[in-house]
Amino acid sequence: MRILMTTWEYPPVKVGGIGSHVHDLSKALVRMGHDVHILTYGNTNKENYDMGITIHRLKAVENATDTITWSVALSHKMEKEAIRLHKLHKFDVVHAHDWMMVPAGSGIKKLLNIPFVFTIHSTEHGRSGIHDAYTKMINDLEWYGTYEAHQVITVGKDFSKEVKALFRVPDEKLHYIPNGVDIKKFDMPKLPAERSDYVADWEKMIFFCGRMTYVKGVDHLIEAMPSILKEHPDSKFVLAGKGPDLPRYIQKVKSLGIAEKTYFTGYVDDDTLIALYRMADLTVAPSLYEPFGIVALESAAAKKPTIGSYIGGLKETIVNEYTGLHTWAGNPNSIADQVSRVLWDDSWRKWLGTNGRKHVEANFRWDRIAHWTTGVYGKALGIW
């Protein structure tokens, strides 16, 4: 099967998790024998190859005034490039990822007369709410993607219900296929960073990874820190990620008098991120909205338990009291209590981490996820 993917981010361009998702899914599809081409953003117009994947990078409009304008302009370039490439490769299906690629996916579907599969990774309604014309436009693009697509993929069970309710997607075109984890990455023998770069030998490392925004629950984690440190003064918090609220969080830990017990790394590359997961004693995922919850799977791949909110995809990626613990979303006391429970018992903590690794190996390998995805392609093509 010849598959054309459209995504606005793709490694090394990474802002969220979509780029990694497309990269790992595409590698697995190539291993199955499929021909995968990716249309994505790049600083210069360039074609290159990566592990059997053909990547076509297109320059975006430099003077775009907002994200919608930028993505629509990029989509128009993708449509033109798709026409050129289709003459050479005769694609069977176009697979677009998230709202920014809806214009590209729907346009290519009509121009090339091929089926359109749409993976929706989150919704504007869940991320920030619909409160002005701009957020309504994003919401409308999400709806349009679910309407135009022959088949729609969601990355979480609860999230699938959200998409169905918001956009009235028929059951027969809606599919839940989770994210996956490249487990081999977490077994690399040499790490690019040392634990001593972040915490002292005697300190227990509590790790957070995510975009520095309110929806990721960082405020509530910070509010839980003094209680955790009172019970476990030998702990230190390492927070990895960047985002608009990072300066506020740095100021917030200072105002609470716990700056020396907090380390903000900013952006880290993939190898350093894996090293941090492996160094940590546990991971915290205090999100207020989380369609899937890849952090819990990555932590489990590193044999570390996750303390995460009982919402969305974290309900699936954390098995309570087997691979980690759930907390009430937005509740600092709940976060503090559950983190303390794990820190009090080292043997239980290690048992949770071991179970997490087994859970990931059994349920979230990319080869299995790619197989399910080709089933959706087959349905879009009318093969089965």
Protein backbone atom coordinates (compact mmCIF):
# COMPACT_ATOMS: atom_id res chain seq x y z
CA MET A 1 0.00 0.00 0.00
CA ARG A 2 1.25 3.52 -0.82
CA ILE A 3 0.43 5.90 2.01
CA LEU A 4 0.70 9.70 1.99
CA MET A 5 0.88 11.25 5.47
CA THR A 6 0.43 14.95 6.22
CA THR A 7 1.68 16.40 9.49
CA TRP A 8 2.76 19.93 10.38
CA GLU A 9 5.45 18.65 12.78
CA TYR A 10 7.92 15.85 12.22
CA PRO A 11 11.32 15.23 13.85
CA PRO A 12 13.49 17.17 14.31
CA VAL A 13 10.66 19.74 14.30
CA LYS A 14 8.76 18.89 17.48
CA VAL A 15 6.32 20.89 19.58
CA GLY A 16 3.97 18.22 20.93
CA GLY A 17 3.66 14.49 20.48
CA ILE A 18 2.24 14.37 16.94
CA GLY A 19 5.64 14.37 15.25
CA SER A 20 6.86 11.38 17.26
CA HIS A 21 3.55 9.57 16.69
CA VAL A 22 3.79 9.95 12.90
CA HIS A 23 7.48 8.99 12.88
CA ASP A 24 7.04 5.80 14.91
CA LEU A 25 3.84 4.77 13.11
CA SER A 26 5.49 5.31 9.72
CA LYS A 27 8.54 3.21 10.68
CA ALA A 28 6.23 0.36 11.71
CA LEU A 29 4.24 0.64 8.47
CA VAL A 30 7.47 0.45 6.45
CA ARG A 31 8.49 -2.67 8.40
CA MET A 32 5.17 -4.20 7.27
CA GLY A 33 6.18 -3.56 3.64
CA HIS A 34 4.17 -0.41 2.93
CA ASP A 35 5.51 2.61 1.02
CA VAL A 36 5.17 5.72 3.21
CA HIS A 37 5.64 9.33 2.08
CA ILE A 38 5.33 12.24 4.51
CA LEU A 39 4.44 15.82 3.63
CA THR A 40 5.56 18.14 6.42
CA TYR A 41 6.99 21.53 7.29
CA GLY A 42 10.68 22.34 6.83
CA ASN A 43 12.91 25.40 6.75
CA THR A 44 13.86 24.59 3.15
CA ASN A 45 12.13 22.63 0.42
CA LYS A 46 13.86 19.27 0.66
CA GLU A 47 13.31 15.54 0.17
CA ASN A 48 15.13 13.02 2.33
CA TYR A 49 14.86 9.44 3.54
CA ASP A 50 14.73 7.95 7.02
CA MET A 51 14.50 4.19 7.71
CA GLY A 52 12.58 3.61 4.47
CA ILE A 53 10.29 6.65 4.89
CA THR A 54 10.34 9.33 2.20
CA ILE A 55 10.01 12.79 3.77
CA HIS A 56 9.04 15.84 1.72
CA ARG A 57 9.64 19.11 3.62
CA LEU A 58 7.96 22.31 2.44
CA LYS A 59 8.64 25.88 3.48
CA ALA A 60 5.72 27.62 5.15
CA VAL A 61 4.57 31.21 4.66
CA GLU A 62 6.84 33.43 6.75
CA ASN A 63 4.48 36.34 7.34
CA ALA A 64 1.42 34.40 8.53
CA THR A 65 -0.39 36.32 11.27
CA ASP A 66 -1.75 33.28 13.14
CA THR A 67 -1.60 29.50 13.28
CA ILE A 68 -4.73 28.97 11.19
CA THR A 69 -3.41 31.13 8.34
CA TRP A 70 -0.02 29.41 8.57
CA SER A 71 -1.49 25.91 8.43
CA VAL A 72 -3.88 26.71 5.56
CA ALA A 73 -1.02 28.18 3.51
CA LEU A 74 1.13 25.11 4.23
CA SER A 75 -1.78 22.88 3.26
CA HIS A 76 -2.07 24.57 -0.13
CA LYS A 77 1.61 23.83 -0.79
CA MET A 78 1.03 20.22 0.29
CA GLU A 79 -1.83 19.89 -2.19
CA LYS A 80 0.39 21.03 -5.08
CA GLU A 81 3.21 18.71 -4.00
CA ALA A 82 0.75 15.81 -3.63
CA ILE A 83 -0.36 16.22 -7.23
CA ARG A 84 3.26 16.07 -8.41
CA LEU A 85 4.11 13.05 -6.25
CA HIS A 86 0.93 11.17 -7.16
CA LYS A 87 1.98 11.13 -10.82
CA LEU A 88 5.09 9.21 -9.71
CA HIS A 89 3.77 7.01 -6.90
CA LYS A 90 -0.03 6.63 -7.25
CA PHE A 91 -0.98 6.84 -3.58
CA ASP A 92 -3.76 4.64 -2.20
CA VAL A 93 -4.72 6.76 0.81
CA VAL A 94 -3.97 10.11 2.48
CA HIS A 95 -3.67 10.16 6.28
CA ALA A 96 -3.79 13.60 7.96
CA HIS A 97 -2.97 14.30 11.60
CA ASP A 98 -4.86 16.84 13.71
CA TRP A 99 -6.75 20.02 12.83
CA MET A 100 -3.86 21.89 11.21
CA MET A 101 -3.74 19.27 8.45
CA VAL A 102 -7.48 19.07 7.77
CA PRO A 103 -7.30 21.44 4.75
CA ALA A 104 -4.44 19.35 3.31
CA GLY A 105 -6.15 16.01 3.94
CA SER A 106 -9.53 17.01 2.55
CA GLY A 107 -7.98 18.86 -0.40
CA ILE A 108 -5.72 15.95 -1.39
CA LYS A 109 -8.66 13.55 -1.08
CA LYS A 110 -10.59 15.55 -3.69
CA LEU A 111 -7.67 16.38 -5.98
CA LEU A 112 -6.33 12.81 -6.16
CA ASN A 113 -9.66 11.02 -5.67
CA ILE A 114 -8.27 8.80 -2.90
CA PRO A 115 -9.67 7.95 0.57
CA PHE A 116 -8.93 10.31 3.47
CA VAL A 117 -8.15 9.00 6.98
CA PHE A 118 -8.03 11.57 9.79
CA THR A 119 -6.37 11.05 13.18
CA ILE A 120 -7.55 13.57 15.74
CA HIS A 121 -5.14 13.80 18.68
CA SER A 122 -7.06 16.31 20.86
CA THR A 123 -9.85 18.88 20.56
CA GLU A 124 -9.90 22.63 21.03
CA HIS A 125 -12.95 22.14 23.25
CA GLY A 126 -10.87 20.01 25.60
CA ARG A 127 -7.63 21.99 25.37
CA SER A 128 -8.93 25.47 26.05
CA GLY A 129 -12.68 25.68 25.39
CA ILE A 130 -14.52 27.57 22.64
CA HIS A 131 -14.52 31.19 23.78
CA ASP A 132 -13.91 33.37 20.71
CA ALA A 133 -13.93 33.35 16.90
CA TYR A 134 -10.42 31.91 16.70
CA THR A 135 -11.07 28.89 18.92
CA LYS A 136 -14.40 28.35 17.15
CA MET A 137 -12.58 28.24 13.80
CA ILE A 138 -10.24 25.52 15.11
CA ASN A 139 -13.25 23.61 16.46
CA ASP A 140 -14.94 23.95 13.06
CA LEU A 141 -11.84 22.60 11.29
CA GLU A 142 -11.85 19.60 13.63
CA TRP A 143 -15.50 18.97 12.81
CA TYR A 144 -14.79 19.37 9.09
CA GLY A 145 -12.00 16.81 9.32
CA THR A 146 -14.31 14.24 10.91
CA TYR A 147 -16.98 15.03 8.28
CA GLU A 148 -14.73 14.87 5.21
CA ALA A 149 -12.71 11.83 6.28
CA HIS A 150 -13.73 8.37 5.15
CA GLN A 151 -12.49 7.03 8.52
CA VAL A 152 -11.56 8.78 11.77
CA ILE A 153 -8.99 7.55 14.31
CA THR A 154 -8.88 8.71 17.94
CA VAL A 155 -6.02 8.00 20.35
CA GLY A 156 -8.04 7.26 23.50
CA LYS A 157 -11.19 5.39 24.55
CA ASP A 158 -12.66 8.26 26.56
CA PHE A 159 -11.45 10.64 23.89
CA SER A 160 -13.33 8.64 21.26
CA LYS A 161 -16.54 9.30 23.20
CA GLU A 162 -15.66 13.00 23.34
CA VAL A 163 -15.13 13.19 19.58
CA LYS A 164 -18.34 11.30 18.89
CA ALA A 165 -20.37 13.61 21.15
CA LEU A 166 -18.80 16.85 19.89
CA PHE A 167 -18.85 16.15 16.16
CA ARG A 168 -21.59 13.48 15.83
CA VAL A 169 -19.26 11.02 14.11
CA PRO A 170 -21.06 7.79 13.10
CA ASP A 171 -19.88 4.67 14.91
CA GLU A 172 -18.97 2.92 11.66
CA LYS A 173 -16.28 5.53 10.79
CA LEU A 174 -14.84 6.08 14.29
CA HIS A 175 -11.92 3.95 15.54
CA TYR A 176 -9.87 3.95 18.73
CA ILE A 177 -6.19 3.16 18.12
CA PRO A 178 -3.79 4.10 20.93
CA ASN A 179 -0.36 5.65 20.75
CA GLY A 180 2.60 3.35 21.12
CA VAL A 181 6.11 3.29 22.53
CA ASP A 182 9.39 2.38 20.86
CA ILE A 183 10.54 0.21 23.76
CA LYS A 184 14.05 -0.36 22.39
CA LYS A 185 14.85 3.34 22.87
CA PHE A 186 14.50 2.90 26.63
CA ASP A 187 17.09 0.14 26.75
CA MET A 188 19.99 2.05 25.23
CA PRO A 189 23.17 1.17 27.14
CA LYS A 190 24.68 4.66 27.20
CA LEU A 191 22.78 7.70 28.51
CA PRO A 192 23.58 11.25 27.33
CA ALA A 193 23.22 12.70 30.86
CA GLU A 194 24.15 11.84 34.43
CA ARG A 195 21.74 11.72 37.38
CA SER A 196 24.11 13.94 39.31
CA ASP A 197 23.44 16.70 36.75
CA TYR A 198 19.94 17.06 38.19
CA VAL A 199 19.78 15.67 41.73
CA ALA A 200 22.18 14.76 44.53
CA ASP A 201 23.04 11.12 45.19
CA TRP A 202 20.84 11.05 48.29
CA GLU A 203 17.80 12.69 46.68
CA LYS A 204 14.79 10.92 45.20
CA MET A 205 13.86 12.29 41.80
CA ILE A 206 10.22 13.11 41.02
CA PHE A 207 9.88 13.74 37.29
CA PHE A 208 7.39 15.73 35.20
CA CYS A 209 7.48 15.97 31.41
CA GLY A 210 5.13 18.08 29.35
CA ARG A 211 4.26 21.45 27.90
CA MET A 212 4.37 24.19 30.51
CA THR A 213 0.70 25.16 30.41
CA TYR A 214 -2.20 25.14 32.85
CA VAL A 215 -3.94 22.20 31.17
CA LYS A 216 -0.98 19.93 32.04
CA GLY A 217 -1.69 20.48 35.73
CA VAL A 218 1.68 22.00 36.62
CA ASP A 219 0.04 24.52 38.98
CA HIS A 220 -1.45 21.71 41.05
CA LEU A 221 1.81 19.75 41.08
CA ILE A 222 3.68 22.81 42.38
CA GLU A 223 1.00 23.35 45.03
CA ALA A 224 1.50 19.72 46.13
CA MET A 225 5.28 20.04 46.42
CA PRO A 226 5.50 21.57 49.94
CA SER A 227 3.42 18.72 51.40
CA ILE A 228 5.51 16.09 49.61
CA LEU A 229 8.76 17.71 50.77
CA LYS A 230 7.49 17.83 54.34
CA GLU A 231 7.02 14.05 54.25
CA HIS A 232 10.06 13.38 52.05
CA PRO A 233 12.69 16.12 52.45
CA ASP A 234 15.13 13.95 50.50
CA SER A 235 13.08 14.50 47.30
CA LYS A 236 13.67 16.83 44.36
CA PHE A 237 11.38 17.74 41.46
CA VAL A 238 12.72 17.78 37.90
CA LEU A 239 10.35 19.35 35.35
CA ALA A 240 11.15 19.01 31.64
CA GLY A 241 9.46 21.01 28.91
CA LYS A 242 8.84 24.49 27.63
CA GLY A 243 5.72 26.57 27.20
CA PRO A 244 4.14 29.97 27.79
CA ASP A 245 3.67 29.50 31.54
CA LEU A 246 7.25 28.47 32.35
CA PRO A 247 8.31 31.92 33.72
CA ARG A 248 5.25 31.92 35.99
CA TYR A 249 6.06 28.45 37.33
CA ILE A 250 9.65 29.45 38.06
CA GLN A 251 8.36 32.42 40.04
CA LYS A 252 5.76 30.27 41.79
CA VAL A 253 8.30 27.81 43.24
CA LYS A 254 10.38 30.77 44.40
CA SER A 255 7.41 32.27 46.20
CA LEU A 256 6.77 28.93 47.94
CA GLY A 257 10.40 28.75 49.06
CA ILE A 258 11.12 25.49 47.23
CA ALA A 259 13.25 26.74 44.32
CA GLU A 260 16.29 24.78 45.52
CA LYS A 261 14.18 21.61 45.41
CA THR A 262 12.99 22.22 41.84
CA TYR A 263 14.89 21.94 38.56
CA PHE A 264 13.33 23.28 35.34
CA THR A 265 15.24 21.77 32.41
CA GLY A 266 13.45 23.57 29.58
CA TYR A 267 13.33 21.72 26.27
CA VAL A 268 15.29 18.44 26.14
CA ASP A 269 15.99 16.20 23.15
CA ASP A 270 14.62 12.66 22.92
CA ASP A 271 17.72 10.90 24.22
CA THR A 272 17.97 13.20 27.24
CA LEU A 273 14.26 12.73 27.91
CA ILE A 274 14.70 8.95 27.96
CA ALA A 275 17.66 9.38 30.31
CA LEU A 276 15.51 11.47 32.67
CA TYR A 277 12.77 8.84 32.74
CA ARG A 278 15.36 6.21 33.62
CA MET A 279 16.99 8.38 36.30
CA ALA A 280 13.70 9.22 38.01
CA ASP A 281 12.18 7.36 40.93
CA LEU A 282 8.68 8.11 39.68
CA THR A 283 6.85 10.25 37.14
CA VAL A 284 3.91 12.60 37.79
CA ALA A 285 1.26 13.36 35.14
CA PRO A 286 -1.21 15.79 36.79
CA SER A 287 -3.04 16.78 33.58
CA LEU A 288 -6.47 18.38 33.56
CA TYR A 289 -7.09 17.18 29.98
CA GLU A 290 -5.26 14.28 28.34
CA PRO A 291 -6.70 12.45 25.31
CA PHE A 292 -4.13 9.67 25.60
CA GLY A 293 -1.31 9.97 28.14
CA ILE A 294 1.93 8.99 26.40
CA VAL A 295 4.00 10.12 29.41
CA ALA A 296 2.70 7.19 31.48
CA LEU A 297 3.71 4.72 28.74
CA GLU A 298 7.18 6.23 28.36
CA SER A 299 7.70 6.12 32.11
CA ALA A 300 6.55 2.49 32.18
CA ALA A 301 8.94 1.63 29.33
CA ALA A 302 11.69 2.96 31.62
CA LYS A 303 10.33 0.72 34.43
CA LYS A 304 9.13 3.66 36.50
CA PRO A 305 5.61 4.14 37.94
CA THR A 306 3.44 7.13 37.10
CA ILE A 307 1.18 9.08 39.44
CA GLY A 308 -1.45 10.55 37.11
CA SER A 309 -4.89 12.11 36.98
CA TYR A 310 -7.90 9.84 36.61
CA ILE A 311 -8.97 11.42 33.33
CA GLY A 312 -8.99 10.63 29.61
CA GLY A 313 -6.22 8.42 28.34
CA LEU A 314 -4.44 8.27 31.70
CA LYS A 315 -7.27 5.99 32.82
CA GLU A 316 -5.93 3.49 30.26
CA THR A 317 -2.18 4.02 30.38
CA ILE A 318 -2.02 3.78 34.19
CA VAL A 319 -3.40 0.63 35.82
CA ASN A 320 -4.13 1.80 39.34
CA GLU A 321 -2.01 0.08 42.01
CA TYR A 322 -0.44 -2.18 39.37
CA THR A 323 1.62 0.15 37.13
CA GLY A 324 1.09 3.40 39.06
CA LEU A 325 -1.53 5.37 40.97
CA HIS A 326 -4.39 7.63 39.98
CA THR A 327 -5.17 11.02 41.53
CA TRP A 328 -8.15 13.33 41.40
CA ALA A 329 -7.49 15.85 38.61
CA GLY A 330 -6.74 19.35 39.87
CA ASN A 331 -6.36 18.23 43.49
CA PRO A 332 -2.91 19.00 45.03
CA ASN A 333 -3.73 17.00 48.18
CA SER A 334 -4.49 13.91 46.10
CA ILE A 335 -1.22 14.32 44.20
CA ALA A 336 0.76 14.73 47.43
CA ASP A 337 -0.87 11.69 49.07
CA GLN A 338 -0.26 9.35 46.13
CA VAL A 339 3.33 10.48 45.54
CA SER A 340 4.08 9.98 49.23
CA ARG A 341 2.61 6.47 49.18
CA VAL A 342 5.02 5.42 46.45
CA LEU A 343 8.04 7.14 47.99
CA TRP A 344 7.52 5.42 51.36
CA ASP A 345 7.95 1.93 49.88
CA ASP A 346 10.90 1.40 47.55
CA SER A 347 10.14 -2.27 46.86
CA TRP A 348 6.52 -1.47 45.93
CA ARG A 349 7.71 1.37 43.71
CA LYS A 350 10.04 -0.98 41.82
CA TRP A 351 7.27 -3.59 41.56
CA LEU A 352 4.96 -1.00 39.98
CA GLY A 353 7.68 -0.08 37.49
CA THR A 354 8.31 -3.70 36.52
CA ASN A 355 4.59 -4.24 35.97
CA GLY A 356 4.41 -1.09 33.86
CA ARG A 357 7.08 -2.36 31.50
CA LYS A 358 5.22 -5.67 31.07
CA HIS A 359 1.97 -3.78 30.42
CA VAL A 360 3.58 -1.66 27.69
CA GLU A 361 5.25 -4.64 26.03
CA ALA A 362 1.95 -6.52 25.90
CA ASN A 363 -0.33 -3.71 24.70
CA PHE A 364 1.43 -0.71 23.16
CA ARG A 365 3.99 -1.87 20.61
CA TRP A 366 4.03 0.11 17.36
CA ASP A 367 3.92 -2.99 15.14
CA ARG A 368 0.53 -3.91 16.60
CA ILE A 369 -0.71 -0.33 16.27
CA ALA A 370 0.43 -0.16 12.63
CA HIS A 371 -1.48 -3.39 11.94
CA TRP A 372 -4.67 -1.87 13.37
CA THR A 373 -4.08 1.30 11.34
CA THR A 374 -3.83 -0.65 8.07
CA GLY A 375 -7.18 -2.17 8.96
CA VAL A 376 -8.66 1.34 8.98
CA TYR A 377 -6.97 2.05 5.64
CA GLY A 378 -8.55 -1.14 4.27
CA LYS A 379 -11.97 -0.03 5.44
CA ALA A 380 -11.48 3.41 3.82
CA LEU A 381 -10.51 1.69 0.57
CA GLY A 382 -13.48 -0.66 0.75
CA ILE A 383 -11.22 -3.73 0.87
CA TRP A 384 -12.87 -4.99 4.06
